[in-house]
Amino acid sequence: MFFTPNNMNVYVVTHRYPYSDTDCVSVYQNMDAVMHKMEIIRLHGMDELEEIKIECTEVIDEDTALERLNNVRKYKQQTNKDD
């Protein structure tokens, strides 16, 4: 199981091959690890039709997710009262 203290950012690397309908998705803790993956891809060689997408995304724990949900609920209740 992936433990996250409250929330953190991770890097998601999606590698799409032209000869497959399936993407290869990897998750890395930091940009240095992503750069190591890019070096591996470079050393193996890359087809001109391959695609690589790198995204930084947030990982949150359940408490943080619930807090955000409750904030949205509270906001919606307040805006509905004002109408």
PDB file of N, CA and C in Angstrom:
ATOM      1  N   MET A   1       0.840  -1.186   0.000  1.00  0.00           N
ATOM      2  CA  MET A   1       0.000   0.000   0.000  1.00  0.00           C
ATOM      3  C   MET A   1       0.879   1.241   0.000  1.00  0.00           C
ATOM      4  N   PHE A   2       0.450   2.252  -0.699  1.00  0.00           N
ATOM      5  CA  PHE A   2       1.197   3.491  -0.857  1.00  0.00           C
ATOM      6  C   PHE A   2       0.808   4.428   0.278  1.00  0.00           C
ATOM      7  N   PHE A   3       1.718   4.707   1.191  1.00  0.00           N
ATOM      8  CA  PHE A   3       1.430   5.587   2.326  1.00  0.00           C
ATOM      9  C   PHE A   3       1.756   7.019   1.955  1.00  0.00           C
ATOM     10  N   THR A   4       0.828   7.916   2.216  1.00  0.00           N
ATOM     11  CA  THR A   4       1.068   9.330   1.962  1.00  0.00           C
ATOM     12  C   THR A   4       0.765  10.127   3.220  1.00  0.00           C
ATOM     13  N   PRO A   5       1.718  10.898   3.686  1.00  0.00           N
ATOM     14  CA  PRO A   5       1.440  11.778   4.827  1.00  0.00           C
ATOM     15  C   PRO A   5       0.626  12.981   4.358  1.00  0.00           C
ATOM     16  N   ASN A   6      -0.676  12.961   4.618  1.00  0.00           N
ATOM     17  CA  ASN A   6      -1.633  14.006   4.205  1.00  0.00           C
ATOM     18  C   ASN A   6      -1.720  14.138   2.689  1.00  0.00           C
ATOM     19  N   ASN A   7      -0.763  14.781   2.071  1.00  0.00           N
ATOM     20  CA  ASN A   7      -0.783  14.863   0.609  1.00  0.00           C
ATOM     21  C   ASN A   7       0.624  15.100   0.083  1.00  0.00           C
ATOM     22  N   MET A   8       0.834  14.726  -1.150  1.00  0.00           N
ATOM     23  CA  MET A   8       2.123  14.919  -1.801  1.00  0.00           C
ATOM     24  C   MET A   8       1.917  14.906  -3.310  1.00  0.00           C
ATOM     25  N   ASN A   9       2.898  15.375  -4.027  1.00  0.00           N
ATOM     26  CA  ASN A   9       2.848  15.334  -5.478  1.00  0.00           C
ATOM     27  C   ASN A   9       3.668  14.157  -5.978  1.00  0.00           C
ATOM     28  N   VAL A  10       3.181  13.531  -7.040  1.00  0.00           N
ATOM     29  CA  VAL A  10       3.906  12.466  -7.718  1.00  0.00           C
ATOM     30  C   VAL A  10       3.911  12.783  -9.208  1.00  0.00           C
ATOM     31  N   TYR A  11       4.811  12.126  -9.920  1.00  0.00           N
ATOM     32  CA  TYR A  11       4.914  12.303 -11.366  1.00  0.00           C
ATOM     33  C   TYR A  11       4.414  11.036 -12.040  1.00  0.00           C
ATOM     34  N   VAL A  12       3.474  11.208 -12.941  1.00  0.00           N
ATOM     35  CA  VAL A  12       2.903  10.095 -13.685  1.00  0.00           C
ATOM     36  C   VAL A  12       3.442  10.166 -15.111  1.00  0.00           C
ATOM     37  N   VAL A  13       4.114   9.090 -15.531  1.00  0.00           N
ATOM     38  CA  VAL A  13       4.676   9.014 -16.882  1.00  0.00           C
ATOM     39  C   VAL A  13       3.841   8.003 -17.669  1.00  0.00           C
ATOM     40  N   THR A  14       3.251   8.462 -18.755  1.00  0.00           N
ATOM     41  CA  THR A  14       2.468   7.601 -19.636  1.00  0.00           C
ATOM     42  C   THR A  14       3.238   7.433 -20.936  1.00  0.00           C
ATOM     43  N   HIS A  15       3.527   6.185 -21.271  1.00  0.00           N
ATOM     44  CA  HIS A  15       4.296   5.860 -22.477  1.00  0.00           C
ATOM     45  C   HIS A  15       3.358   5.124 -23.425  1.00  0.00           C
ATOM     46  N   ARG A  16       3.071   5.741 -24.561  1.00  0.00           N
ATOM     47  CA  ARG A  16       2.150   5.159 -25.549  1.00  0.00           C
ATOM     48  C   ARG A  16       2.954   4.638 -26.735  1.00  0.00           C
ATOM     49  N   TYR A  17       2.741   3.359 -27.033  1.00  0.00           N
ATOM     50  CA  TYR A  17       3.426   2.723 -28.152  1.00  0.00           C
ATOM     51  C   TYR A  17       2.507   2.697 -29.369  1.00  0.00           C
ATOM     52  N   PRO A  18       3.045   2.920 -30.573  1.00  0.00           N
ATOM     53  CA  PRO A  18       2.185   2.961 -31.764  1.00  0.00           C
ATOM     54  C   PRO A  18       1.626   1.589 -32.152  1.00  0.00           C
ATOM     55  N   TYR A  19       2.230   0.527 -31.696  1.00  0.00           N
ATOM     56  CA  TYR A  19       1.826  -0.824 -32.081  1.00  0.00           C
ATOM     57  C   TYR A  19       0.952  -1.509 -31.032  1.00  0.00           C
ATOM     58  N   SER A  20       0.489  -0.754 -30.031  1.00  0.00           N
ATOM     59  CA  SER A  20      -0.303  -1.343 -28.950  1.00  0.00           C
ATOM     60  C   SER A  20      -1.443  -0.402 -28.571  1.00  0.00           C
ATOM     61  N   ASP A  21      -2.543  -0.995 -28.134  1.00  0.00           N
ATOM     62  CA  ASP A  21      -3.677  -0.200 -27.651  1.00  0.00           C
ATOM     63  C   ASP A  21      -3.555   0.104 -26.165  1.00  0.00           C
ATOM     64  N   THR A  22      -2.503  -0.407 -25.538  1.00  0.00           N
ATOM     65  CA  THR A  22      -2.324  -0.261 -24.098  1.00  0.00           C
ATOM     66  C   THR A  22      -1.195   0.719 -23.797  1.00  0.00           C
ATOM     67  N   ASP A  23      -1.441   1.632 -22.857  1.00  0.00           N
ATOM     68  CA  ASP A  23      -0.405   2.555 -22.410  1.00  0.00           C
ATOM     69  C   ASP A  23       0.340   1.949 -21.235  1.00  0.00           C
ATOM     70  N   CYS A  24       1.607   2.275 -21.123  1.00  0.00           N
ATOM     71  CA  CYS A  24       2.405   1.891 -19.965  1.00  0.00           C
ATOM     72  C   CYS A  24       2.438   3.109 -19.038  1.00  0.00           C
ATOM     73  N   VAL A  25       1.934   2.947 -17.817  1.00  0.00           N
ATOM     74  CA  VAL A  25       1.863   4.058 -16.870  1.00  0.00           C
ATOM     75  C   VAL A  25       2.751   3.748 -15.671  1.00  0.00           C
ATOM     76  N   SER A  26       3.615   4.694 -15.328  1.00  0.00           N
ATOM     77  CA  SER A  26       4.498   4.560 -14.169  1.00  0.00           C
ATOM     78  C   SER A  26       4.350   5.798 -13.300  1.00  0.00           C
ATOM     79  N   VAL A  27       4.529   5.624 -12.000  1.00  0.00           N
ATOM     80  CA  VAL A  27       4.414   6.727 -11.049  1.00  0.00           C
ATOM     81  C   VAL A  27       5.743   6.862 -10.319  1.00  0.00           C
ATOM     82  N   TYR A  28       6.249   8.100 -10.237  1.00  0.00           N
ATOM     83  CA  TYR A  28       7.543   8.371  -9.625  1.00  0.00           C
ATOM     84  C   TYR A  28       7.399   9.420  -8.532  1.00  0.00           C
ATOM     85  N   GLN A  29       8.265   9.312  -7.546  1.00  0.00           N
ATOM     86  CA  GLN A  29       8.214  10.208  -6.399  1.00  0.00           C
ATOM     87  C   GLN A  29       8.768  11.591  -6.707  1.00  0.00           C
ATOM     88  N   ASN A  30       9.735  11.668  -7.619  1.00  0.00           N
ATOM     89  CA  ASN A  30      10.344  12.969  -7.902  1.00  0.00           C
ATOM     90  C   ASN A  30      10.806  13.045  -9.352  1.00  0.00           C
ATOM     91  N   MET A  31      11.170  14.242  -9.776  1.00  0.00           N
ATOM     92  CA  MET A  31      11.557  14.467 -11.161  1.00  0.00           C
ATOM     93  C   MET A  31      12.878  13.769 -11.500  1.00  0.00           C
ATOM     94  N   ASP A  32      13.751  13.607 -10.532  1.00  0.00           N
ATOM     95  CA  ASP A  32      15.003  12.887 -10.793  1.00  0.00           C
ATOM     96  C   ASP A  32      14.722  11.458 -11.250  1.00  0.00           C
ATOM     97  N   ALA A  33      13.768  10.800 -10.605  1.00  0.00           N
ATOM     98  CA  ALA A  33      13.399   9.440 -10.998  1.00  0.00           C
ATOM     99  C   ALA A  33      12.805   9.424 -12.412  1.00  0.00           C
ATOM    100  N   VAL A  34      12.036  10.445 -12.737  1.00  0.00           N
ATOM    101  CA  VAL A  34      11.477  10.558 -14.094  1.00  0.00           C
ATOM    102  C   VAL A  34      12.604  10.704 -15.111  1.00  0.00           C
ATOM    103  N   MET A  35      13.606  11.499 -14.775  1.00  0.00           N
ATOM    104  CA  MET A  35      14.725  11.692 -15.697  1.00  0.00           C
ATOM    105  C   MET A  35      15.514  10.395 -15.895  1.00  0.00           C
ATOM    106  N   HIS A  36      15.600   9.569 -14.860  1.00  0.00           N
ATOM    107  CA  HIS A  36      16.235   8.257 -15.017  1.00  0.00           C
ATOM    108  C   HIS A  36      15.438   7.404 -16.005  1.00  0.00           C
ATOM    109  N   LYS A  37      14.108   7.444 -15.902  1.00  0.00           N
ATOM    110  CA  LYS A  37      13.253   6.712 -16.835  1.00  0.00           C
ATOM    111  C   LYS A  37      13.448   7.229 -18.262  1.00  0.00           C
ATOM    112  N   MET A  38      13.558   8.539 -18.416  1.00  0.00           N
ATOM    113  CA  MET A  38      13.777   9.102 -19.751  1.00  0.00           C
ATOM    114  C   MET A  38      15.115   8.635 -20.328  1.00  0.00           C
ATOM    115  N   GLU A  39      16.117   8.521 -19.489  1.00  0.00           N
ATOM    116  CA  GLU A  39      17.421   8.039 -19.945  1.00  0.00           C
ATOM    117  C   GLU A  39      17.348   6.576 -20.372  1.00  0.00           C
ATOM    118  N   ILE A  40      16.591   5.764 -19.632  1.00  0.00           N
ATOM    119  CA  ILE A  40      16.400   4.363 -20.030  1.00  0.00           C
ATOM    120  C   ILE A  40      15.735   4.285 -21.395  1.00  0.00           C
ATOM    121  N   ILE A  41      14.702   5.096 -21.596  1.00  0.00           N
ATOM    122  CA  ILE A  41      14.005   5.122 -22.892  1.00  0.00           C
ATOM    123  C   ILE A  41      14.959   5.561 -23.992  1.00  0.00           C
ATOM    124  N   ARG A  42      15.772   6.568 -23.721  1.00  0.00           N
ATOM    125  CA  ARG A  42      16.731   7.045 -24.723  1.00  0.00           C
ATOM    126  C   ARG A  42      17.727   5.952 -25.086  1.00  0.00           C
ATOM    127  N   LEU A  43      18.225   5.236 -24.086  1.00  0.00           N
ATOM    128  CA  LEU A  43      19.206   4.178 -24.337  1.00  0.00           C
ATOM    129  C   LEU A  43      18.610   3.012 -25.125  1.00  0.00           C
ATOM    130  N   HIS A  44      17.347   2.701 -24.884  1.00  0.00           N
ATOM    131  CA  HIS A  44      16.682   1.631 -25.630  1.00  0.00           C
ATOM    132  C   HIS A  44      16.320   2.069 -27.043  1.00  0.00           C
ATOM    133  N   GLY A  45      16.221   3.353 -27.240  1.00  0.00           N
ATOM    134  CA  GLY A  45      15.782   3.869 -28.535  1.00  0.00           C
ATOM    135  C   GLY A  45      14.280   4.069 -28.515  1.00  0.00           C
ATOM    136  N   MET A  46      13.841   5.079 -29.242  1.00  0.00           N
ATOM    137  CA  MET A  46      12.423   5.428 -29.223  1.00  0.00           C
ATOM    138  C   MET A  46      11.929   5.568 -30.649  1.00  0.00           C
ATOM    139  N   ASP A  47      10.832   4.926 -30.952  1.00  0.00           N
ATOM    140  CA  ASP A  47      10.202   5.033 -32.258  1.00  0.00           C
ATOM    141  C   ASP A  47       9.628   6.433 -32.413  1.00  0.00           C
ATOM    142  N   GLU A  48       9.651   6.970 -33.605  1.00  0.00           N
ATOM    143  CA  GLU A  48       9.163   8.343 -33.809  1.00  0.00           C
ATOM    144  C   GLU A  48       7.673   8.495 -33.532  1.00  0.00           C
ATOM    145  N   LEU A  49       6.934   7.391 -33.523  1.00  0.00           N
ATOM    146  CA  LEU A  49       5.495   7.461 -33.255  1.00  0.00           C
ATOM    147  C   LEU A  49       5.144   7.221 -31.785  1.00  0.00           C
ATOM    148  N   GLU A  50       6.129   6.902 -30.961  1.00  0.00           N
ATOM    149  CA  GLU A  50       5.870   6.731 -29.533  1.00  0.00           C
ATOM    150  C   GLU A  50       5.574   8.086 -28.904  1.00  0.00           C
ATOM    151  N   GLU A  51       4.734   8.068 -27.880  1.00  0.00           N
ATOM    152  CA  GLU A  51       4.399   9.295 -27.167  1.00  0.00           C
ATOM    153  C   GLU A  51       4.697   9.109 -25.684  1.00  0.00           C
ATOM    154  N   ILE A  52       5.248  10.154 -25.081  1.00  0.00           N
ATOM    155  CA  ILE A  52       5.495  10.148 -23.637  1.00  0.00           C
ATOM    156  C   ILE A  52       4.865  11.398 -23.053  1.00  0.00           C
ATOM    157  N   LYS A  53       4.057  11.192 -22.015  1.00  0.00           N
ATOM    158  CA  LYS A  53       3.410  12.311 -21.342  1.00  0.00           C
ATOM    159  C   LYS A  53       3.815  12.267 -19.877  1.00  0.00           C
ATOM    160  N   ILE A  54       4.244  13.407 -19.344  1.00  0.00           N
ATOM    161  CA  ILE A  54       4.626  13.512 -17.939  1.00  0.00           C
ATOM    162  C   ILE A  54       3.679  14.497 -17.272  1.00  0.00           C
ATOM    163  N   GLU A  55       3.047  14.050 -16.174  1.00  0.00           N
ATOM    164  CA  GLU A  55       2.128  14.904 -15.429  1.00  0.00           C
ATOM    165  C   GLU A  55       2.517  14.898 -13.954  1.00  0.00           C
ATOM    166  N   CYS A  56       2.380  16.029 -13.328  1.00  0.00           N
ATOM    167  CA  CYS A  56       2.542  16.117 -11.884  1.00  0.00           C
ATOM    168  C   CYS A  56       1.139  16.156 -11.297  1.00  0.00           C
ATOM    169  N   THR A  57       0.868  15.260 -10.376  1.00  0.00           N
ATOM    170  CA  THR A  57      -0.463  15.187  -9.798  1.00  0.00           C
ATOM    171  C   THR A  57      -0.372  15.000  -8.286  1.00  0.00           C
ATOM    172  N   GLU A  58      -1.432  15.338  -7.619  1.00  0.00           N
ATOM    173  CA  GLU A  58      -1.462  15.289  -6.160  1.00  0.00           C
ATOM    174  C   GLU A  58      -2.035  13.957  -5.682  1.00  0.00           C
ATOM    175  N   VAL A  59      -1.427  13.394  -4.673  1.00  0.00           N
ATOM    176  CA  VAL A  59      -1.951  12.214  -3.992  1.00  0.00           C
ATOM    177  C   VAL A  59      -2.373  12.674  -2.603  1.00  0.00           C
ATOM    178  N   ILE A  60      -3.618  12.386  -2.257  1.00  0.00           N
ATOM    179  CA  ILE A  60      -4.114  12.824  -0.946  1.00  0.00           C
ATOM    180  C   ILE A  60      -4.621  11.620  -0.164  1.00  0.00           C
ATOM    181  N   ASP A  61      -4.643  11.770   1.149  1.00  0.00           N
ATOM    182  CA  ASP A  61      -5.173  10.696   1.984  1.00  0.00           C
ATOM    183  C   ASP A  61      -6.685  10.881   2.154  1.00  0.00           C
ATOM    184  N   GLU A  62      -7.323   9.913   2.775  1.00  0.00           N
ATOM    185  CA  GLU A  62      -8.776   9.941   2.920  1.00  0.00           C
ATOM    186  C   GLU A  62      -9.251  11.122   3.749  1.00  0.00           C
ATOM    187  N   ASP A  63      -8.516  11.475   4.799  1.00  0.00           N
ATOM    188  CA  ASP A  63      -8.918  12.608   5.648  1.00  0.00           C
ATOM    189  C   ASP A  63      -8.948  13.907   4.858  1.00  0.00           C
ATOM    190  N   THR A  64      -7.940  14.118   4.037  1.00  0.00           N
ATOM    191  CA  THR A  64      -7.883  15.334   3.214  1.00  0.00           C
ATOM    192  C   THR A  64      -9.016  15.344   2.196  1.00  0.00           C
ATOM    193  N   ALA A  65      -9.279  14.183   1.585  1.00  0.00           N
ATOM    194  CA  ALA A  65     -10.374  14.087   0.608  1.00  0.00           C
ATOM    195  C   ALA A  65     -11.715  14.400   1.269  1.00  0.00           C
ATOM    196  N   LEU A  66     -11.928  13.865   2.468  1.00  0.00           N
ATOM    197  CA  LEU A  66     -13.172  14.119   3.188  1.00  0.00           C
ATOM    198  C   LEU A  66     -13.291  15.585   3.582  1.00  0.00           C
ATOM    199  N   GLU A  67     -12.201  16.181   4.008  1.00  0.00           N
ATOM    200  CA  GLU A  67     -12.203  17.603   4.360  1.00  0.00           C
ATOM    201  C   GLU A  67     -12.594  18.456   3.157  1.00  0.00           C
ATOM    202  N   ARG A  68     -12.036  18.142   2.001  1.00  0.00           N
ATOM    203  CA  ARG A  68     -12.377  18.895   0.785  1.00  0.00           C
ATOM    204  C   ARG A  68     -13.837  18.702   0.407  1.00  0.00           C
ATOM    205  N   LEU A  69     -14.324  17.469   0.532  1.00  0.00           N
ATOM    206  CA  LEU A  69     -15.729  17.198   0.233  1.00  0.00           C
ATOM    207  C   LEU A  69     -16.638  18.001   1.151  1.00  0.00           C
ATOM    208  N   ASN A  70     -16.322  18.015   2.426  1.00  0.00           N
ATOM    209  CA  ASN A  70     -17.133  18.779   3.378  1.00  0.00           C
ATOM    210  C   ASN A  70     -17.071  20.277   3.099  1.00  0.00           C
ATOM    211  N   ASN A  71     -15.921  20.777   2.665  1.00  0.00           N
ATOM    212  CA  ASN A  71     -15.815  22.191   2.293  1.00  0.00           C
ATOM    213  C   ASN A  71     -16.724  22.521   1.109  1.00  0.00           C
ATOM    214  N   VAL A  72     -16.780  21.623   0.123  1.00  0.00           N
ATOM    215  CA  VAL A  72     -17.647  21.847  -1.038  1.00  0.00           C
ATOM    216  C   VAL A  72     -19.116  21.790  -0.612  1.00  0.00           C
ATOM    217  N   ARG A  73     -19.454  20.831   0.229  1.00  0.00           N
ATOM    218  CA  ARG A  73     -20.840  20.735   0.721  1.00  0.00           C
ATOM    219  C   ARG A  73     -21.242  22.008   1.458  1.00  0.00           C
ATOM    220  N   LYS A  74     -20.362  22.496   2.314  1.00  0.00           N
ATOM    221  CA  LYS A  74     -20.633  23.721   3.075  1.00  0.00           C
ATOM    222  C   LYS A  74     -20.812  24.908   2.128  1.00  0.00           C
ATOM    223  N   TYR A  75     -19.949  25.013   1.140  1.00  0.00           N
ATOM    224  CA  TYR A  75     -20.039  26.099   0.158  1.00  0.00           C
ATOM    225  C   TYR A  75     -21.366  26.033  -0.597  1.00  0.00           C
ATOM    226  N   LYS A  76     -21.752  24.817  -1.025  1.00  0.00           N
ATOM    227  CA  LYS A  76     -23.003  24.658  -1.771  1.00  0.00           C
ATOM    228  C   LYS A  76     -24.208  25.033  -0.902  1.00  0.00           C
ATOM    229  N   GLN A  77     -24.175  24.658   0.370  1.00  0.00           N
ATOM    230  CA  GLN A  77     -25.273  25.008   1.274  1.00  0.00           C
ATOM    231  C   GLN A  77     -25.371  26.522   1.440  1.00  0.00           C
ATOM    232  N   GLN A  78     -24.238  27.180   1.571  1.00  0.00           N
ATOM    233  CA  GLN A  78     -24.234  28.637   1.748  1.00  0.00           C
ATOM    234  C   GLN A  78     -24.720  29.347   0.483  1.00  0.00           C
ATOM    235  N   THR A  79     -24.305  28.877  -0.675  1.00  0.00           N
ATOM    236  CA  THR A  79     -24.721  29.542  -1.905  1.00  0.00           C
ATOM    237  C   THR A  79     -26.192  29.280  -2.199  1.00  0.00           C
ATOM    238  N   ASN A  80     -26.712  28.136  -1.794  1.00  0.00           N
ATOM    239  CA  ASN A  80     -28.142  27.860  -1.995  1.00  0.00           C
ATOM    240  C   ASN A  80     -28.993  28.716  -1.069  1.00  0.00           C
ATOM    241  N   LYS A  81     -28.504  29.030   0.115  1.00  0.00           N
ATOM    242  CA  LYS A  81     -29.229  29.909   1.052  1.00  0.00           C
ATOM    243  C   LYS A  81     -29.323  31.323   0.505  1.00  0.00           C
ATOM    244  N   ASP A  82     -28.281  31.768  -0.187  1.00  0.00           N
ATOM    245  CA  ASP A  82     -28.216  33.129  -0.690  1.00  0.00           C
ATOM    246  C   ASP A  82     -29.133  33.366  -1.879  1.00  0.00           C
ATOM    247  N   ASP A  83     -29.625  32.282  -2.507  1.00  0.00           N
ATOM    248  CA  ASP A  83     -30.477  32.434  -3.705  1.00  0.00           C
ATOM    249  C   ASP A  83     -31.880  32.746  -3.398  1.00  0.00           C
TER     250      ASP A  83
END
